[in-house]
Amino acid sequence: MVALFAVLLAVTRDPVLLRYFVTAALVTVFLYFGLWVVDPASSIVAVLDFYVFGVLFGILGAAACLKRLLTGPFDIRACLLSPVAVLIAFFNLGILYQDFFHAPLVLEGRAQNPRVQSRRSQYVVDIANQTVKVTTPVYERLKFNPYVRAEIGRGSNYVYRIDYLSN
């Protein structure tokens, strides 16, 4: 969806049509953000989108700070915020890199002690004596303590794939 809006906004020359595309893109972004606020762990896609948006936010923040430094008078805030934005982008990019380009951690064992962490409302469960994060649908199925085989992302520590071996 992001790629579609990016292409539409980049190639459209008609100002009226461009205004409609910008409106549609903004409505989509605000709707998605609102849904994410309501239930951030609804699916693994929502979790991954959080990290992707973190990368984009960091890159855009760094670009805005650098533009302000290069075009205007010297601003100490821009000097301080640009490295912070770059760190945010690299942190989220590192998590995505570890999740997608390193072999997943494979755990096999009984899912025990499913619970909600109180600070950030994250669902966690212990599999083979290791605490991992799970999404809402997986959490609902792990309440009954089944014996599972799970593939865990190395960066985010989320369950990407789970096989239910027995009850």
N, C-alpha and C. Protein backbone atom coordinates (compact mmCIF):
# COMPACT_ATOMS: atom_id res chain seq x y z
N MET A 1 0.83 -1.18 0.00
CA MET A 1 0.00 0.00 0.00
C MET A 1 0.88 1.25 0.00
N VAL A 2 1.95 1.21 0.79
CA VAL A 2 2.86 2.35 0.84
C VAL A 2 3.52 2.56 -0.51
N ALA A 3 3.92 1.48 -1.15
CA ALA A 3 4.56 1.58 -2.46
C ALA A 3 3.59 2.14 -3.49
N LEU A 4 2.33 1.71 -3.43
CA LEU A 4 1.33 2.21 -4.35
C LEU A 4 1.15 3.72 -4.21
N PHE A 5 0.99 4.19 -2.97
CA PHE A 5 0.84 5.62 -2.75
C PHE A 5 2.11 6.39 -3.14
N ALA A 6 3.26 5.80 -2.90
CA ALA A 6 4.51 6.47 -3.28
C ALA A 6 4.59 6.66 -4.78
N VAL A 7 4.24 5.64 -5.54
CA VAL A 7 4.27 5.73 -7.00
C VAL A 7 3.22 6.72 -7.49
N LEU A 8 2.02 6.64 -6.93
CA LEU A 8 0.96 7.56 -7.36
C LEU A 8 1.33 9.01 -7.08
N LEU A 9 1.90 9.27 -5.92
CA LEU A 9 2.26 10.65 -5.58
C LEU A 9 3.46 11.14 -6.39
N ALA A 10 4.33 10.23 -6.79
CA ALA A 10 5.52 10.63 -7.53
C ALA A 10 5.22 10.92 -9.00
N VAL A 11 4.29 10.18 -9.61
CA VAL A 11 4.08 10.32 -11.05
C VAL A 11 2.90 11.22 -11.41
N THR A 12 2.07 11.57 -10.46
CA THR A 12 0.90 12.40 -10.76
C THR A 12 1.30 13.85 -10.93
N ARG A 13 0.88 14.44 -12.07
CA ARG A 13 1.18 15.84 -12.35
C ARG A 13 -0.05 16.74 -12.21
N ASP A 14 -1.25 16.18 -12.30
CA ASP A 14 -2.47 16.96 -12.19
C ASP A 14 -2.69 17.36 -10.73
N PRO A 15 -2.80 18.67 -10.41
CA PRO A 15 -2.92 19.09 -9.02
C PRO A 15 -4.20 18.62 -8.34
N VAL A 16 -5.30 18.51 -9.08
CA VAL A 16 -6.56 18.06 -8.47
C VAL A 16 -6.46 16.58 -8.11
N LEU A 17 -5.96 15.79 -9.04
CA LEU A 17 -5.79 14.36 -8.78
C LEU A 17 -4.77 14.12 -7.67
N LEU A 18 -3.72 14.92 -7.65
CA LEU A 18 -2.71 14.80 -6.60
C LEU A 18 -3.32 15.08 -5.23
N ARG A 19 -4.20 16.05 -5.15
CA ARG A 19 -4.86 16.37 -3.88
C ARG A 19 -5.68 15.18 -3.38
N TYR A 20 -6.39 14.49 -4.30
CA TYR A 20 -7.16 13.31 -3.90
C TYR A 20 -6.25 12.17 -3.43
N PHE A 21 -5.14 11.98 -4.13
CA PHE A 21 -4.21 10.92 -3.72
C PHE A 21 -3.60 11.22 -2.35
N VAL A 22 -3.25 12.49 -2.11
CA VAL A 22 -2.70 12.87 -0.81
C VAL A 22 -3.73 12.64 0.28
N THR A 23 -4.98 13.01 0.02
CA THR A 23 -6.05 12.79 0.99
C THR A 23 -6.24 11.31 1.28
N ALA A 24 -6.25 10.49 0.23
CA ALA A 24 -6.41 9.04 0.42
C ALA A 24 -5.24 8.46 1.20
N ALA A 25 -4.03 8.92 0.90
CA ALA A 25 -2.86 8.42 1.62
C ALA A 25 -2.92 8.81 3.10
N LEU A 26 -3.30 10.05 3.39
CA LEU A 26 -3.39 10.49 4.78
C LEU A 26 -4.48 9.75 5.54
N VAL A 27 -5.63 9.53 4.92
CA VAL A 27 -6.70 8.77 5.57
C VAL A 27 -6.24 7.35 5.87
N THR A 28 -5.55 6.74 4.92
CA THR A 28 -5.04 5.38 5.13
C THR A 28 -4.03 5.33 6.27
N VAL A 29 -3.13 6.30 6.31
CA VAL A 29 -2.11 6.33 7.36
C VAL A 29 -2.76 6.52 8.73
N PHE A 30 -3.68 7.46 8.84
CA PHE A 30 -4.31 7.72 10.13
C PHE A 30 -5.21 6.55 10.56
N LEU A 31 -5.89 5.91 9.63
CA LEU A 31 -6.70 4.75 9.96
C LEU A 31 -5.82 3.60 10.45
N TYR A 32 -4.72 3.35 9.73
CA TYR A 32 -3.82 2.28 10.14
C TYR A 32 -3.21 2.58 11.50
N PHE A 33 -2.79 3.83 11.72
CA PHE A 33 -2.21 4.21 13.01
C PHE A 33 -3.24 4.05 14.12
N GLY A 34 -4.48 4.42 13.87
CA GLY A 34 -5.53 4.26 14.87
C GLY A 34 -5.77 2.80 15.22
N LEU A 35 -5.78 1.95 14.21
CA LEU A 35 -5.94 0.52 14.47
C LEU A 35 -4.74 -0.04 15.22
N TRP A 36 -3.56 0.45 14.89
CA TRP A 36 -2.37 -0.03 15.59
C TRP A 36 -2.40 0.39 17.06
N VAL A 37 -2.88 1.58 17.36
CA VAL A 37 -2.96 2.05 18.74
C VAL A 37 -3.92 1.17 19.54
N VAL A 38 -5.03 0.76 18.93
CA VAL A 38 -6.02 -0.06 19.62
C VAL A 38 -5.46 -1.43 19.95
N ASP A 39 -4.80 -2.08 19.00
CA ASP A 39 -4.27 -3.43 19.23
C ASP A 39 -2.96 -3.62 18.47
N PRO A 40 -1.83 -3.22 19.08
CA PRO A 40 -0.55 -3.29 18.35
C PRO A 40 -0.07 -4.70 18.09
N ALA A 41 -0.52 -5.68 18.84
CA ALA A 41 -0.05 -7.06 18.66
C ALA A 41 -1.11 -7.93 18.01
N SER A 42 -1.91 -7.35 17.12
CA SER A 42 -3.00 -8.11 16.51
C SER A 42 -2.48 -9.15 15.53
N SER A 43 -1.36 -8.87 14.88
CA SER A 43 -0.77 -9.84 13.97
C SER A 43 0.73 -9.55 13.85
N ILE A 44 1.44 -10.48 13.28
CA ILE A 44 2.88 -10.29 13.12
C ILE A 44 3.15 -9.20 12.09
N VAL A 45 2.22 -8.97 11.19
CA VAL A 45 2.37 -7.89 10.20
C VAL A 45 2.35 -6.54 10.91
N ALA A 46 1.46 -6.39 11.89
CA ALA A 46 1.41 -5.13 12.65
C ALA A 46 2.70 -4.91 13.43
N VAL A 47 3.25 -5.96 13.96
CA VAL A 47 4.52 -5.84 14.70
C VAL A 47 5.65 -5.44 13.76
N LEU A 48 5.72 -6.08 12.60
CA LEU A 48 6.77 -5.75 11.64
C LEU A 48 6.59 -4.34 11.08
N ASP A 49 5.35 -3.93 10.88
CA ASP A 49 5.10 -2.57 10.40
C ASP A 49 5.59 -1.53 11.40
N PHE A 50 5.52 -1.85 12.67
CA PHE A 50 6.04 -0.93 13.69
C PHE A 50 7.53 -0.69 13.47
N TYR A 51 8.29 -1.74 13.20
CA TYR A 51 9.71 -1.59 12.96
C TYR A 51 10.00 -0.90 11.63
N VAL A 52 9.20 -1.19 10.60
CA VAL A 52 9.38 -0.52 9.32
C VAL A 52 9.10 0.98 9.46
N PHE A 53 8.03 1.32 10.18
CA PHE A 53 7.73 2.74 10.41
C PHE A 53 8.81 3.40 11.25
N GLY A 54 9.44 2.67 12.15
CA GLY A 54 10.55 3.21 12.91
C GLY A 54 11.73 3.55 12.02
N VAL A 55 12.01 2.68 11.04
CA VAL A 55 13.09 2.96 10.08
C VAL A 55 12.75 4.20 9.25
N LEU A 56 11.52 4.25 8.73
CA LEU A 56 11.12 5.39 7.92
C LEU A 56 11.12 6.68 8.73
N PHE A 57 10.65 6.62 9.96
CA PHE A 57 10.65 7.80 10.82
C PHE A 57 12.07 8.29 11.07
N GLY A 58 12.99 7.38 11.32
CA GLY A 58 14.37 7.77 11.54
C GLY A 58 15.01 8.39 10.31
N ILE A 59 14.77 7.80 9.15
CA ILE A 59 15.35 8.34 7.91
C ILE A 59 14.76 9.71 7.60
N LEU A 60 13.44 9.84 7.71
CA LEU A 60 12.82 11.13 7.43
C LEU A 60 13.24 12.19 8.45
N GLY A 61 13.38 11.79 9.71
CA GLY A 61 13.83 12.74 10.73
C GLY A 61 15.25 13.22 10.46
N ALA A 62 16.12 12.29 10.09
CA ALA A 62 17.50 12.67 9.78
C ALA A 62 17.57 13.56 8.55
N ALA A 63 16.76 13.25 7.54
CA ALA A 63 16.75 14.07 6.33
C ALA A 63 16.24 15.48 6.62
N ALA A 64 15.21 15.58 7.45
CA ALA A 64 14.67 16.91 7.78
C ALA A 64 15.69 17.72 8.58
N CYS A 65 16.37 17.08 9.52
CA CYS A 65 17.38 17.79 10.31
C CYS A 65 18.55 18.23 9.43
N LEU A 66 19.00 17.35 8.54
CA LEU A 66 20.11 17.70 7.66
C LEU A 66 19.72 18.81 6.68
N LYS A 67 18.49 18.77 6.19
CA LYS A 67 18.04 19.84 5.30
C LYS A 67 18.02 21.18 6.04
N ARG A 68 17.57 21.15 7.27
CA ARG A 68 17.54 22.38 8.07
C ARG A 68 18.95 22.89 8.34
N LEU A 69 19.87 21.97 8.57
CA LEU A 69 21.26 22.39 8.79
C LEU A 69 21.90 22.99 7.54
N LEU A 70 21.59 22.40 6.38
CA LEU A 70 22.24 22.83 5.15
C LEU A 70 21.62 24.09 4.54
N THR A 71 20.34 24.33 4.77
CA THR A 71 19.69 25.45 4.09
C THR A 71 19.52 26.68 4.96
N GLY A 72 19.46 26.51 6.25
CA GLY A 72 19.19 27.66 7.10
C GLY A 72 20.37 28.03 7.96
N PRO A 73 20.15 28.94 8.88
CA PRO A 73 21.22 29.29 9.81
C PRO A 73 21.51 28.11 10.76
N PHE A 74 22.62 28.17 11.42
CA PHE A 74 23.04 27.09 12.33
C PHE A 74 22.00 26.89 13.42
N ASP A 75 21.59 25.65 13.62
CA ASP A 75 20.59 25.32 14.63
C ASP A 75 21.10 24.15 15.45
N ILE A 76 21.27 24.36 16.75
CA ILE A 76 21.82 23.31 17.62
C ILE A 76 20.86 22.14 17.76
N ARG A 77 19.55 22.40 17.70
CA ARG A 77 18.58 21.30 17.82
C ARG A 77 18.70 20.34 16.65
N ALA A 78 18.88 20.88 15.47
CA ALA A 78 19.03 20.02 14.30
C ALA A 78 20.31 19.20 14.39
N CYS A 79 21.36 19.80 14.94
CA CYS A 79 22.62 19.07 15.12
C CYS A 79 22.46 17.91 16.10
N LEU A 80 21.64 18.09 17.11
CA LEU A 80 21.46 17.06 18.12
C LEU A 80 20.43 16.02 17.70
N LEU A 81 19.40 16.42 16.96
CA LEU A 81 18.34 15.49 16.59
C LEU A 81 18.70 14.59 15.40
N SER A 82 19.58 15.04 14.55
CA SER A 82 19.94 14.23 13.39
C SER A 82 20.60 12.90 13.79
N PRO A 83 21.57 12.87 14.69
CA PRO A 83 22.13 11.56 15.10
C PRO A 83 21.12 10.69 15.84
N VAL A 84 20.22 11.31 16.59
CA VAL A 84 19.19 10.54 17.29
C VAL A 84 18.28 9.85 16.28
N ALA A 85 17.88 10.58 15.24
CA ALA A 85 17.03 9.99 14.21
C ALA A 85 17.75 8.86 13.48
N VAL A 86 19.03 9.03 13.21
CA VAL A 86 19.80 7.97 12.56
C VAL A 86 19.88 6.74 13.47
N LEU A 87 20.06 6.93 14.75
CA LEU A 87 20.10 5.80 15.70
C LEU A 87 18.77 5.07 15.74
N ILE A 88 17.66 5.81 15.71
CA ILE A 88 16.34 5.17 15.69
C ILE A 88 16.20 4.30 14.44
N ALA A 89 16.62 4.83 13.30
CA ALA A 89 16.53 4.07 12.06
C ALA A 89 17.40 2.82 12.11
N PHE A 90 18.65 2.95 12.57
CA PHE A 90 19.54 1.80 12.63
C PHE A 90 19.09 0.75 13.64
N PHE A 91 18.52 1.18 14.76
CA PHE A 91 18.02 0.23 15.75
C PHE A 91 16.91 -0.63 15.16
N ASN A 92 15.93 0.02 14.53
CA ASN A 92 14.82 -0.73 13.94
C ASN A 92 15.27 -1.55 12.74
N LEU A 93 16.19 -1.03 11.96
CA LEU A 93 16.72 -1.77 10.82
C LEU A 93 17.50 -2.99 11.29
N GLY A 94 18.23 -2.87 12.40
CA GLY A 94 18.95 -4.02 12.95
C GLY A 94 18.01 -5.13 13.39
N ILE A 95 16.88 -4.76 13.98
CA ILE A 95 15.89 -5.77 14.39
C ILE A 95 15.33 -6.48 13.16
N LEU A 96 14.98 -5.72 12.14
CA LEU A 96 14.45 -6.34 10.93
C LEU A 96 15.50 -7.21 10.24
N TYR A 97 16.75 -6.76 10.23
CA TYR A 97 17.82 -7.54 9.62
C TYR A 97 18.00 -8.88 10.34
N GLN A 98 18.01 -8.85 11.65
CA GLN A 98 18.18 -10.10 12.40
C GLN A 98 16.99 -11.03 12.22
N ASP A 99 15.79 -10.47 12.09
CA ASP A 99 14.61 -11.32 11.91
C ASP A 99 14.58 -11.99 10.54
N PHE A 100 15.00 -11.26 9.50
CA PHE A 100 14.83 -11.79 8.14
C PHE A 100 16.07 -12.41 7.54
N PHE A 101 17.26 -12.04 7.99
CA PHE A 101 18.47 -12.52 7.34
C PHE A 101 19.32 -13.44 8.21
N HIS A 102 18.90 -13.71 9.43
CA HIS A 102 19.55 -14.70 10.27
C HIS A 102 18.60 -15.88 10.46
N ALA A 103 19.15 -17.03 10.71
CA ALA A 103 18.32 -18.21 10.92
C ALA A 103 17.49 -18.01 12.19
N PRO A 104 16.22 -18.40 12.14
CA PRO A 104 15.39 -18.22 13.33
C PRO A 104 15.79 -19.19 14.45
N LEU A 105 15.51 -18.79 15.65
CA LEU A 105 15.72 -19.63 16.81
C LEU A 105 14.56 -20.62 16.89
N VAL A 106 14.84 -21.91 16.95
CA VAL A 106 13.80 -22.93 16.97
C VAL A 106 13.71 -23.49 18.38
N LEU A 107 12.53 -23.39 18.97
CA LEU A 107 12.29 -23.91 20.31
C LEU A 107 11.21 -24.97 20.24
N GLU A 108 11.41 -26.04 20.99
CA GLU A 108 10.40 -27.09 21.06
C GLU A 108 10.17 -27.42 22.52
N GLY A 109 8.93 -27.39 22.91
CA GLY A 109 8.59 -27.68 24.30
C GLY A 109 7.17 -27.26 24.61
N ARG A 110 6.81 -27.44 25.87
CA ARG A 110 5.48 -27.07 26.30
C ARG A 110 5.41 -25.57 26.52
N ALA A 111 4.36 -24.95 25.99
CA ALA A 111 4.12 -23.52 26.19
C ALA A 111 3.55 -23.34 27.59
N GLN A 112 4.29 -22.63 28.42
CA GLN A 112 3.89 -22.47 29.82
C GLN A 112 3.82 -21.00 30.19
N ASN A 113 3.00 -20.73 31.19
CA ASN A 113 2.92 -19.42 31.80
C ASN A 113 2.59 -18.31 30.80
N PRO A 114 1.51 -18.46 30.03
CA PRO A 114 1.13 -17.34 29.15
C PRO A 114 0.63 -16.17 29.99
N ARG A 115 1.14 -14.98 29.69
CA ARG A 115 0.79 -13.82 30.51
C ARG A 115 0.91 -12.55 29.68
N VAL A 116 0.42 -11.47 30.27
CA VAL A 116 0.50 -10.15 29.64
C VAL A 116 1.45 -9.32 30.47
N GLN A 117 2.48 -8.77 29.82
CA GLN A 117 3.38 -7.86 30.53
C GLN A 117 2.63 -6.55 30.74
N SER A 118 2.67 -6.07 31.96
CA SER A 118 1.81 -4.96 32.34
C SER A 118 2.23 -3.63 31.73
N ARG A 119 3.51 -3.39 31.53
CA ARG A 119 3.94 -2.07 31.08
C ARG A 119 3.51 -1.76 29.66
N ARG A 120 3.69 -2.68 28.74
CA ARG A 120 3.41 -2.40 27.34
C ARG A 120 2.32 -3.29 26.76
N SER A 121 1.64 -4.02 27.58
CA SER A 121 0.57 -4.92 27.15
C SER A 121 1.03 -5.88 26.06
N GLN A 122 2.19 -6.46 26.25
CA GLN A 122 2.70 -7.46 25.32
C GLN A 122 2.36 -8.84 25.85
N TYR A 123 1.98 -9.71 24.93
CA TYR A 123 1.72 -11.09 25.29
C TYR A 123 3.03 -11.86 25.25
N VAL A 124 3.34 -12.57 26.32
CA VAL A 124 4.54 -13.37 26.37
C VAL A 124 4.19 -14.76 26.87
N VAL A 125 5.03 -15.73 26.52
CA VAL A 125 4.84 -17.10 26.95
C VAL A 125 6.23 -17.74 27.07
N ASP A 126 6.34 -18.72 27.92
CA ASP A 126 7.60 -19.45 28.09
C ASP A 126 7.53 -20.74 27.27
N ILE A 127 8.47 -20.90 26.35
CA ILE A 127 8.59 -22.14 25.58
C ILE A 127 10.01 -22.64 25.79
N ALA A 128 10.12 -23.86 26.29
CA ALA A 128 11.42 -24.48 26.56
C ALA A 128 12.26 -23.58 27.47
N ASN A 129 11.66 -23.07 28.50
CA ASN A 129 12.30 -22.21 29.52
C ASN A 129 12.87 -20.92 28.94
N GLN A 130 12.32 -20.44 27.84
CA GLN A 130 12.73 -19.17 27.26
C GLN A 130 11.48 -18.33 27.00
N THR A 131 11.50 -17.08 27.46
CA THR A 131 10.36 -16.20 27.29
C THR A 131 10.38 -15.59 25.90
N VAL A 132 9.27 -15.72 25.17
CA VAL A 132 9.14 -15.16 23.83
C VAL A 132 7.85 -14.35 23.76
N LYS A 133 7.82 -13.42 22.80
CA LYS A 133 6.64 -12.59 22.59
C LYS A 133 5.75 -13.25 21.53
N VAL A 134 4.44 -13.12 21.73
CA VAL A 134 3.49 -13.68 20.78
C VAL A 134 2.43 -12.64 20.46
N THR A 135 1.75 -12.84 19.33
CA THR A 135 0.65 -11.96 18.96
C THR A 135 -0.63 -12.43 19.62
N THR A 136 -1.69 -11.66 19.50
CA THR A 136 -2.95 -11.95 20.18
C THR A 136 -3.53 -13.30 19.79
N PRO A 137 -3.65 -13.65 18.48
CA PRO A 137 -4.23 -14.95 18.15
C PRO A 137 -3.41 -16.13 18.66
N VAL A 138 -2.10 -16.01 18.60
CA VAL A 138 -1.24 -17.10 19.09
C VAL A 138 -1.37 -17.21 20.61
N TYR A 139 -1.46 -16.08 21.30
CA TYR A 139 -1.62 -16.08 22.76
C TYR A 139 -2.90 -16.82 23.15
N GLU A 140 -3.97 -16.58 22.43
CA GLU A 140 -5.25 -17.24 22.75
C GLU A 140 -5.14 -18.76 22.60
N ARG A 141 -4.35 -19.23 21.64
CA ARG A 141 -4.21 -20.67 21.44
C ARG A 141 -3.21 -21.29 22.42
N LEU A 142 -2.29 -20.48 22.95
CA LEU A 142 -1.29 -21.02 23.87
C LEU A 142 -1.77 -21.01 25.33
N LYS A 143 -2.96 -20.54 25.59
CA LYS A 143 -3.48 -20.53 26.96
C LYS A 143 -3.67 -21.95 27.50
N PHE A 144 -3.81 -22.92 26.62
CA PHE A 144 -4.07 -24.30 27.04
C PHE A 144 -2.80 -25.12 27.19
N ASN A 145 -1.63 -24.48 27.16
CA ASN A 145 -0.33 -25.10 27.37
C ASN A 145 -0.04 -26.29 26.45
N PRO A 146 -0.12 -26.13 25.14
CA PRO A 146 0.18 -27.24 24.24
C PRO A 146 1.69 -27.43 24.10
N TYR A 147 2.05 -28.58 23.55
CA TYR A 147 3.43 -28.87 23.22
C TYR A 147 3.64 -28.35 21.79
N VAL A 148 4.61 -27.44 21.62
CA VAL A 148 4.75 -26.75 20.34
C VAL A 148 6.20 -26.75 19.86
N ARG A 149 6.35 -26.45 18.58
CA ARG A 149 7.64 -26.15 17.97
C ARG A 149 7.49 -24.77 17.37
N ALA A 150 8.31 -23.83 17.81
CA ALA A 150 8.16 -22.43 17.39
C ALA A 150 9.45 -21.90 16.80
N GLU A 151 9.31 -21.08 15.75
CA GLU A 151 10.44 -20.37 15.16
C GLU A 151 10.35 -18.92 15.61
N ILE A 152 11.42 -18.45 16.26
CA ILE A 152 11.44 -17.14 16.89
C ILE A 152 12.40 -16.24 16.11
N GLY A 153 11.97 -15.01 15.84
CA GLY A 153 12.85 -14.04 15.20
C GLY A 153 13.95 -13.62 16.17
N ARG A 154 15.17 -13.55 15.70
CA ARG A 154 16.30 -13.24 16.59
C ARG A 154 16.32 -11.78 17.05
N GLY A 155 15.78 -10.88 16.26
CA GLY A 155 15.82 -9.48 16.64
C GLY A 155 14.64 -9.06 17.50
N SER A 156 13.44 -9.39 17.05
CA SER A 156 12.24 -8.94 17.75
C SER A 156 11.81 -9.88 18.86
N ASN A 157 12.25 -11.13 18.84
CA ASN A 157 11.89 -12.15 19.81
C ASN A 157 10.42 -12.53 19.70
N TYR A 158 9.81 -12.34 18.53
CA TYR A 158 8.43 -12.72 18.29
C TYR A 158 8.36 -14.08 17.63
N VAL A 159 7.29 -14.82 17.88
CA VAL A 159 7.05 -16.11 17.24
C VAL A 159 6.56 -15.85 15.81
N TYR A 160 7.32 -16.36 14.83
CA TYR A 160 6.93 -16.20 13.43
C TYR A 160 6.17 -17.39 12.91
N ARG A 161 6.52 -18.57 13.37
CA ARG A 161 5.85 -19.77 12.93
C ARG A 161 5.73 -20.69 14.12
N ILE A 162 4.58 -21.33 14.23
CA ILE A 162 4.37 -22.24 15.36
C ILE A 162 3.64 -23.47 14.85
N ASP A 163 4.13 -24.63 15.28
CA ASP A 163 3.50 -25.91 14.95
C ASP A 163 3.04 -26.53 16.25
N TYR A 164 1.78 -26.91 16.31
CA TYR A 164 1.22 -27.53 17.50
C TYR A 164 1.42 -29.04 17.39
N LEU A 165 2.26 -29.59 18.26
CA LEU A 165 2.61 -31.01 18.16
C LEU A 165 1.67 -31.90 18.94
N SER A 166 1.26 -31.46 20.11
CA SER A 166 0.27 -32.23 20.90
C SER A 166 -0.32 -31.31 21.95
N ASN A 167 -1.32 -31.83 22.63
CA ASN A 167 -1.99 -31.03 23.65
C ASN A 167 -1.54 -31.34 25.03
